[in-house]
């Protein structure tokens, strides 16, 4: 039973869509029908767009909908809708003061009239229009006008309560918009409303502004708390629900994911397992991206899909490096086995990035995810303190989906001691350290597995080369001491090391 009656009052258990898929996801299915909600936020945060989505959803379902505007004209609303590609034909728009009568002293709402008369007339116009249209969805934009007319918090609260009681007698879901123009937080509206959604716009020092949404309250309803990133685009609001890894579990077999290089797999004790993540750490240019590419290419050769998220380099640079290493990256991209996506950290929020990764896993069925690099991801965070938490949820989600995740982190410094800008090693199931070292006047590269939670691995340090033959891993460097410091001492014979160790990243 969707509704019942108790002591003469109608109790509805039905859920309706807010018109926004992301907000519905956060609310666990949508809004309770026949209740009053508050969307609050400063001008420019997206309240009008979210409210129009709510009404358009009703119009698509054949419901009567009504937009009561106390601040914007119908022409302004039509302009907003047209730029989103929307048709407001199914939405009744009521301008409380029509433009042609705004200068008529008999119609104009002015501070020269007694406050009670102004507020009473405004409320009566609202109630009369609702009675005429008999809508099931109503938006009132905005409450700041009523607040100014009331001039006192007591009168304002009584007026909003009167509106709530009026709508309670009708089968109508109401969204109130408030631009938070009062000098202090107006918690009266929070107590009156069935639910409160806060929209914010953050200005960062460089790059696009960031928008986010938070559900402050929903009576008798579980919802996903915290802030959720969002973006205004043509077609409406893209809301990216905060990723909660505990909500996503998929059964998978944790077998090895071959790298396509037998010696590398041997160094890793058989390889990297599905459902784990590996951190490649080392100086810029040492070969981290090339090593990650070998895993993506090997997956493509098995017929699996990989997603390569490039924060630092463009497609042309990656394809040129792959050609130098003899890796067929271009053909793998054209066939769809490798999805290469360049990320601009100045334009994309972390929530949007997590949503893209999730979509690649759930819709495109990728099995290997490469993030190149965490340094770029760090730059995408307006507040780096929460990067570890964001990354923990993302890696846990990928692990529970059976995805092999490869993370790249560039250290500061080339040869000698190197600083790590971010310590994320404790989140990693495996850590591979790549280092430059010098021998006989030549810069060489060394590779070592310093951590692997999921099983045995070699504890040796091996030299590797990058050339037209791809990645070549040599025997253990038994005659060196201090390779990982970048300044080793050599105690062996004069026999040469690996040939052709100049290579490229």
Foldseek 3Di string as FASTA:
>chain_A
DQWDADPNFIDGNDFDALLAPQVCVQQVHHATFLFEEEEEAAPPLAPLLSLVSNQVSCLVVVFQEEEEAADDDPVVVVVVQVQLVHDCPRYHYHDLQDPVCCPPPVRHQDPVDDLVVSLVVSLVSVLVVCVVRVTQEYEYPALVVSCVSQVDPVSSLVSVVVVRVSSSVGRHYYYHYYNPPDPDDDCSVVVRGQWYKYKYWADFPFFDIWIWIATPHHPPTDGNGDIWTWDADRNGIRTQPQFALVVDFDDDDFDAQDLPAPVVCQQAVNHHTFLFEEEEEEAPWLQQVLSVVSSLLSCVVVVAAEEEEAADDDPVVVVVLCQFQQGPPVVSVVVRRYHYHYDHLRYDALSVVLVVVVCCCPPVVHQEYEYHAVVSVCSSYSDNVCPLVSVLSSSSNSSSSRHYYYYYFHWDDAAFDTHGPDPNVVSHQWYKYKHWADDPRDIWIKIHTPHHNPDDGDGFIWTWARGNNGIDTDDGQPQWDPVSRRYIDGRDDPDDDDPPRNHTD
